[in-house]
Amino acid sequence: MSKLPKAWRRTVIGALERLQSGDDRGFEDELWLGLGDAWWPLRSALLKKGLIELPTHAIYPRLTERGQQFLMSPHRI
């Protein structure tokens, strides 16, 4: 996450906060609106980093424990 441009980091954090609050659809909307065509590769990177996971038969991802810890971290930005 530290290699992302600052504006992108804010978008990712906002999207993860939407997942945290239960707004699954809003998570993807936030990424798409904030990042344009780059949203899908970034979503894939969040999966690989373990910040989100895609449960079996689910349409939208959910925040993992690691994702929760990231959001609580004072160094996230």
C-alpha atoms as a PDB file:
ATOM      1  CA  MET A   1       0.000   0.000   0.000  1.00  0.00           C
ATOM      2  CA  SER A   2       2.847   2.407   0.642  1.00  0.00           C
ATOM      3  CA  LYS A   3       3.745   2.502  -3.065  1.00  0.00           C
ATOM      4  CA  LEU A   4       0.312   3.806  -4.051  1.00  0.00           C
ATOM      5  CA  PRO A   5      -0.162   7.483  -4.837  1.00  0.00           C
ATOM      6  CA  LYS A   6      -1.656   9.341  -1.856  1.00  0.00           C
ATOM      7  CA  ALA A   7      -4.997   9.933  -3.621  1.00  0.00           C
ATOM      8  CA  TRP A   8      -5.285   6.222  -4.382  1.00  0.00           C
ATOM      9  CA  ARG A   9      -4.517   5.306  -0.777  1.00  0.00           C
ATOM     10  CA  ARG A  10      -7.370   7.546   0.368  1.00  0.00           C
ATOM     11  CA  THR A  11      -9.686   5.820  -2.110  1.00  0.00           C
ATOM     12  CA  VAL A  12      -8.620   2.351  -0.945  1.00  0.00           C
ATOM     13  CA  ILE A  13      -9.054   3.297   2.711  1.00  0.00           C
ATOM     14  CA  GLY A  14     -12.502   4.723   1.976  1.00  0.00           C
ATOM     15  CA  ALA A  15     -13.446   1.532   0.141  1.00  0.00           C
ATOM     16  CA  LEU A  16     -12.186  -0.680   2.971  1.00  0.00           C
ATOM     17  CA  GLU A  17     -14.117   1.432   5.466  1.00  0.00           C
ATOM     18  CA  ARG A  18     -17.257   0.782   3.419  1.00  0.00           C
ATOM     19  CA  LEU A  19     -16.634  -2.958   3.734  1.00  0.00           C
ATOM     20  CA  GLN A  20     -16.094  -2.514   7.451  1.00  0.00           C
ATOM     21  CA  SER A  21     -19.482  -0.817   7.753  1.00  0.00           C
ATOM     22  CA  GLY A  22     -21.236  -3.545   5.718  1.00  0.00           C
ATOM     23  CA  ASP A  23     -21.558  -1.618   2.439  1.00  0.00           C
ATOM     24  CA  ASP A  24     -20.256  -4.376   0.150  1.00  0.00           C
ATOM     25  CA  ARG A  25     -21.473  -2.826  -3.097  1.00  0.00           C
ATOM     26  CA  GLY A  26     -20.170   0.582  -2.015  1.00  0.00           C
ATOM     27  CA  PHE A  27     -16.693  -0.925  -1.665  1.00  0.00           C
ATOM     28  CA  GLU A  28     -16.483  -1.689  -5.378  1.00  0.00           C
ATOM     29  CA  ASP A  29     -18.228   1.549  -6.330  1.00  0.00           C
ATOM     30  CA  GLU A  30     -15.691   3.555  -4.315  1.00  0.00           C
ATOM     31  CA  LEU A  31     -12.781   1.799  -6.025  1.00  0.00           C
ATOM     32  CA  TRP A  32     -14.277   2.183  -9.483  1.00  0.00           C
ATOM     33  CA  LEU A  33     -15.185   5.843  -9.072  1.00  0.00           C
ATOM     34  CA  GLY A  34     -11.857   6.707  -7.470  1.00  0.00           C
ATOM     35  CA  LEU A  35      -9.522   4.665  -9.658  1.00  0.00           C
ATOM     36  CA  GLY A  36     -11.283   4.150 -12.975  1.00  0.00           C
ATOM     37  CA  ASP A  37     -10.002   1.192 -14.971  1.00  0.00           C
ATOM     38  CA  ALA A  38      -7.314   0.482 -12.377  1.00  0.00           C
ATOM     39  CA  TRP A  39      -9.907  -0.584  -9.791  1.00  0.00           C
ATOM     40  CA  TRP A  40      -9.955  -4.271 -10.712  1.00  0.00           C
ATOM     41  CA  PRO A  41      -6.172  -4.865 -10.538  1.00  0.00           C
ATOM     42  CA  LEU A  42      -6.105  -3.017  -7.222  1.00  0.00           C
ATOM     43  CA  ARG A  43      -8.975  -5.147  -5.903  1.00  0.00           C
ATOM     44  CA  SER A  44      -6.959  -8.213  -6.934  1.00  0.00           C
ATOM     45  CA  ALA A  45      -3.918  -6.828  -5.098  1.00  0.00           C
ATOM     46  CA  LEU A  46      -6.016  -6.347  -1.935  1.00  0.00           C
ATOM     47  CA  LEU A  47      -7.031 -10.013  -2.195  1.00  0.00           C
ATOM     48  CA  LYS A  48      -3.407 -11.116  -2.615  1.00  0.00           C
ATOM     49  CA  LYS A  49      -2.277  -8.995   0.341  1.00  0.00           C
ATOM     50  CA  GLY A  50      -4.978 -10.584   2.474  1.00  0.00           C
ATOM     51  CA  LEU A  51      -6.804  -7.347   3.312  1.00  0.00           C
ATOM     52  CA  ILE A  52      -9.995  -8.687   1.756  1.00  0.00           C
ATOM     53  CA  GLU A  53     -11.257 -12.154   0.928  1.00  0.00           C
ATOM     54  CA  LEU A  54     -13.901 -13.516  -1.379  1.00  0.00           C
ATOM     55  CA  PRO A  55     -15.957 -16.154   0.408  1.00  0.00           C
ATOM     56  CA  THR A  56     -17.163 -19.117  -1.631  1.00  0.00           C
ATOM     57  CA  HIS A  57     -20.245 -18.254  -3.706  1.00  0.00           C
ATOM     58  CA  ALA A  58     -20.074 -14.585  -2.679  1.00  0.00           C
ATOM     59  CA  ILE A  59     -20.381 -11.718  -5.130  1.00  0.00           C
ATOM     60  CA  TYR A  60     -18.587  -9.128  -3.033  1.00  0.00           C
ATOM     61  CA  PRO A  61     -15.496  -9.474  -0.877  1.00  0.00           C
ATOM     62  CA  ARG A  62     -15.347  -9.000   2.876  1.00  0.00           C
ATOM     63  CA  LEU A  63     -12.765  -7.389   5.091  1.00  0.00           C
ATOM     64  CA  THR A  64     -10.322  -9.781   6.760  1.00  0.00           C
ATOM     65  CA  GLU A  65      -8.771  -9.506  10.197  1.00  0.00           C
ATOM     66  CA  ARG A  66      -5.649  -8.180   8.499  1.00  0.00           C
ATOM     67  CA  GLY A  67      -7.785  -5.566   6.748  1.00  0.00           C
ATOM     68  CA  GLN A  68      -9.300  -4.558  10.090  1.00  0.00           C
ATOM     69  CA  GLN A  69      -5.818  -4.181  11.558  1.00  0.00           C
ATOM     70  CA  PHE A  70      -4.747  -2.076   8.586  1.00  0.00           C
ATOM     71  CA  LEU A  71      -7.674   0.293   9.095  1.00  0.00           C
ATOM     72  CA  MET A  72      -6.789   0.687  12.772  1.00  0.00           C
ATOM     73  CA  SER A  73      -3.116   1.321  12.006  1.00  0.00           C
ATOM     74  CA  PRO A  74      -1.952   4.925  12.439  1.00  0.00           C
ATOM     75  CA  HIS A  75       0.512   4.389   9.547  1.00  0.00           C
ATOM     76  CA  ARG A  76      -2.076   3.492   6.930  1.00  0.00           C
ATOM     77  CA  ILE A  77      -1.653   6.755   4.995  1.00  0.00           C
END
